[in-house]
Amino acid sequence: MIVDDTTFLFFDASCLMAAAGSPMGGSGFLLSLCIRRLLRGAVSQAVLLEAERNIRAKLRPQTLGIYHDLLQSAPLTVAPVPRIPDGTAWLQVVNVKDAHVVASTLAVKAPYVLTLDQELEGEINRAGLSIEAITPGDFIRTILPHHAKYPALRSR
């Protein structure tokens, strides 16, 4: 699949935490591409709240300021968290605590969910959906080279 500046990446809370804790890591790099409008990023209100709660509980106090700065800089689309109808097939595979991530990703038609949660990654990929869950590192290594502007991506 060719990716370009219209390709949506849905960032889950683990990736937002990673970007705040290590802005030069994979999650931070992909957010920087969204800031440069070479990719499009999406989150949901539930993901933003989860990331902030976890940053407060688990990371250095100054990380919260970095997180807020990233959110101010990145033109992220805030996806709705739609109601999930009873009997939705993928709920048999995806843990109910993460259903909001899948529902929001589908709502904005993002082809990729960026996550560092291996369990969630496996569940989404086994669910037979139109989305792929992938770690930021794997996205950078396997998908990003197909970006229409790939040679310019590493320049800052």
Protein backbone atom coordinates (compact mmCIF):
# COMPACT_ATOMS: atom_id res chain seq x y z
CA MET A 1 0.00 0.00 0.00
CA ILE A 2 1.29 3.44 -0.94
CA VAL A 3 1.23 5.93 1.92
CA ASP A 4 1.25 9.70 1.54
CA ASP A 5 0.32 12.88 3.34
CA THR A 6 -3.35 11.83 3.47
CA THR A 7 -2.68 8.51 5.24
CA PHE A 8 -4.20 8.37 8.73
CA LEU A 9 -2.36 6.79 11.64
CA PHE A 10 -4.41 6.21 14.78
CA PHE A 11 -2.14 6.61 17.82
CA ASP A 12 -3.11 4.60 20.88
CA ALA A 13 -2.24 5.72 24.41
CA SER A 14 0.95 3.63 24.58
CA CYS A 15 2.39 5.48 21.57
CA LEU A 16 1.48 8.89 22.93
CA MET A 17 3.19 7.97 26.20
CA ALA A 18 6.26 6.74 24.32
CA ALA A 19 6.41 9.94 22.25
CA ALA A 20 6.23 12.08 25.40
CA GLY A 21 8.81 9.97 27.22
CA SER A 22 11.17 9.72 24.25
CA PRO A 23 10.36 12.33 21.56
CA MET A 24 13.21 11.08 19.35
CA GLY A 25 11.92 7.48 19.35
CA GLY A 26 9.66 5.86 16.77
CA SER A 27 6.38 7.23 18.12
CA GLY A 28 7.87 10.71 18.40
CA PHE A 29 9.24 10.49 14.87
CA LEU A 30 5.84 9.52 13.45
CA LEU A 31 4.19 12.36 15.37
CA SER A 32 6.81 14.71 13.90
CA LEU A 33 5.76 13.56 10.42
CA CYS A 34 2.18 14.48 11.34
CA ILE A 35 3.39 17.88 12.53
CA ARG A 36 5.14 18.32 9.18
CA ARG A 37 1.90 17.17 7.49
CA LEU A 38 3.59 14.23 5.79
CA LEU A 39 1.12 11.89 7.51
CA ARG A 40 -2.17 12.48 9.33
CA GLY A 41 -2.62 11.51 12.94
CA ALA A 42 -5.77 10.62 14.80
CA VAL A 43 -6.61 9.95 18.44
CA SER A 44 -9.79 9.85 20.49
CA GLN A 45 -10.70 11.68 23.66
CA ALA A 46 -10.56 8.34 25.50
CA VAL A 47 -7.01 7.73 24.23
CA LEU A 48 -5.90 11.24 25.21
CA LEU A 49 -7.26 10.79 28.73
CA GLU A 50 -5.72 7.32 29.09
CA ALA A 51 -2.32 8.59 27.93
CA GLU A 52 -2.39 11.54 30.31
CA ARG A 53 -3.47 9.38 33.25
CA ASN A 54 -0.67 6.88 32.55
CA ILE A 55 1.96 9.59 32.05
CA ARG A 56 1.03 11.11 35.42
CA ALA A 57 1.20 7.70 37.12
CA LYS A 58 4.24 6.15 35.45
CA LEU A 59 6.61 8.73 33.97
CA ARG A 60 8.75 11.64 35.19
CA PRO A 61 6.75 14.78 36.11
CA GLN A 62 8.30 16.85 33.28
CA THR A 63 6.98 14.34 30.75
CA LEU A 64 3.47 15.74 31.14
CA GLY A 65 4.66 19.11 29.79
CA ILE A 66 6.30 17.39 26.82
CA TYR A 67 3.03 15.52 26.20
CA HIS A 68 1.03 18.75 26.22
CA ASP A 69 3.56 20.42 23.89
CA LEU A 70 3.28 17.50 21.44
CA LEU A 71 -0.51 17.72 21.47
CA GLN A 72 -0.37 21.46 20.80
CA SER A 73 2.04 20.99 17.89
CA ALA A 74 0.46 18.00 16.20
CA PRO A 75 -2.63 18.60 14.06
CA LEU A 76 -4.37 15.47 15.30
CA THR A 77 -7.91 14.58 14.33
CA VAL A 78 -9.96 13.69 17.39
CA ALA A 79 -12.03 10.70 16.36
CA PRO A 80 -15.39 9.95 17.89
CA VAL A 81 -15.86 6.86 20.00
CA PRO A 82 -18.97 5.43 18.36
CA ARG A 83 -21.36 3.09 20.08
CA ILE A 84 -20.46 -0.51 19.30
CA PRO A 85 -23.56 -2.54 18.47
CA ASP A 86 -24.16 -5.74 20.42
CA GLY A 87 -23.07 -8.74 18.41
CA THR A 88 -20.25 -6.93 16.61
CA ALA A 89 -18.08 -9.81 15.39
CA TRP A 90 -14.69 -8.30 16.26
CA LEU A 91 -15.73 -7.99 19.93
CA GLN A 92 -15.20 -11.75 20.11
CA VAL A 93 -11.49 -11.13 19.47
CA VAL A 94 -10.67 -7.66 20.85
CA ASN A 95 -10.63 -7.11 24.62
CA VAL A 96 -13.56 -4.93 25.66
CA LYS A 97 -11.19 -2.45 27.39
CA ASP A 98 -9.61 -1.72 24.00
CA ALA A 99 -12.78 -1.75 21.91
CA HIS A 100 -12.83 2.07 21.89
CA VAL A 101 -9.49 2.09 20.02
CA VAL A 102 -10.86 -0.14 17.27
CA ALA A 103 -14.16 1.73 17.05
CA SER A 104 -12.44 5.12 16.79
CA THR A 105 -9.93 3.87 14.21
CA LEU A 106 -12.74 2.53 12.08
CA ALA A 107 -14.72 5.77 12.52
CA VAL A 108 -11.96 7.89 10.93
CA LYS A 109 -11.11 5.17 8.39
CA ALA A 110 -7.48 5.04 9.49
CA PRO A 111 -5.78 2.02 7.92
CA TYR A 112 -3.24 1.74 10.77
CA VAL A 113 -3.39 1.62 14.55
CA LEU A 114 -0.01 2.41 16.09
CA THR A 115 0.39 0.53 19.35
CA LEU A 116 3.09 -0.80 21.64
CA ASP A 117 0.57 -3.14 23.27
CA GLN A 118 1.43 -6.55 21.82
CA GLU A 119 -1.82 -8.09 23.01
CA LEU A 120 -3.91 -5.39 21.32
CA GLU A 121 -1.81 -5.65 18.16
CA GLY A 122 -2.47 -9.37 17.93
CA GLU A 123 -6.18 -9.04 18.69
CA ILE A 124 -6.76 -6.39 16.01
CA ASN A 125 -4.80 -8.29 13.42
CA ARG A 126 -6.70 -11.53 14.16
CA ALA A 127 -10.08 -9.77 13.98
CA GLY A 128 -10.14 -9.62 10.18
CA LEU A 129 -10.79 -5.89 10.02
CA SER A 130 -9.87 -3.31 7.40
CA ILE A 131 -7.23 -1.93 9.78
CA GLU A 132 -3.77 -3.13 10.70
CA ALA A 133 -2.25 -2.78 14.14
CA ILE A 134 1.48 -2.23 14.04
CA THR A 135 4.25 -0.93 16.28
CA PRO A 136 5.80 2.41 15.35
CA GLY A 137 9.13 0.68 14.68
CA ASP A 138 7.58 -1.87 12.34
CA PHE A 139 5.63 0.87 10.56
CA ILE A 140 8.83 2.86 10.04
CA ARG A 141 10.71 -0.20 8.75
CA THR A 142 8.04 -1.82 6.57
CA ILE A 143 5.36 0.69 5.56
CA LEU A 144 7.02 4.12 5.62
CA PRO A 145 9.48 3.27 2.80
CA HIS A 146 6.41 3.19 0.51
CA HIS A 147 5.60 6.83 1.29
CA ALA A 148 5.37 8.97 -1.83
CA LYS A 149 7.87 11.44 -0.30
CA TYR A 150 10.09 8.89 1.42
CA PRO A 151 13.46 10.50 0.52
CA ALA A 152 12.42 13.73 2.30
CA LEU A 153 11.04 12.13 5.45
CA ARG A 154 14.26 11.90 7.43
CA SER A 155 15.24 15.52 6.85
CA ARG A 156 14.21 17.88 9.62
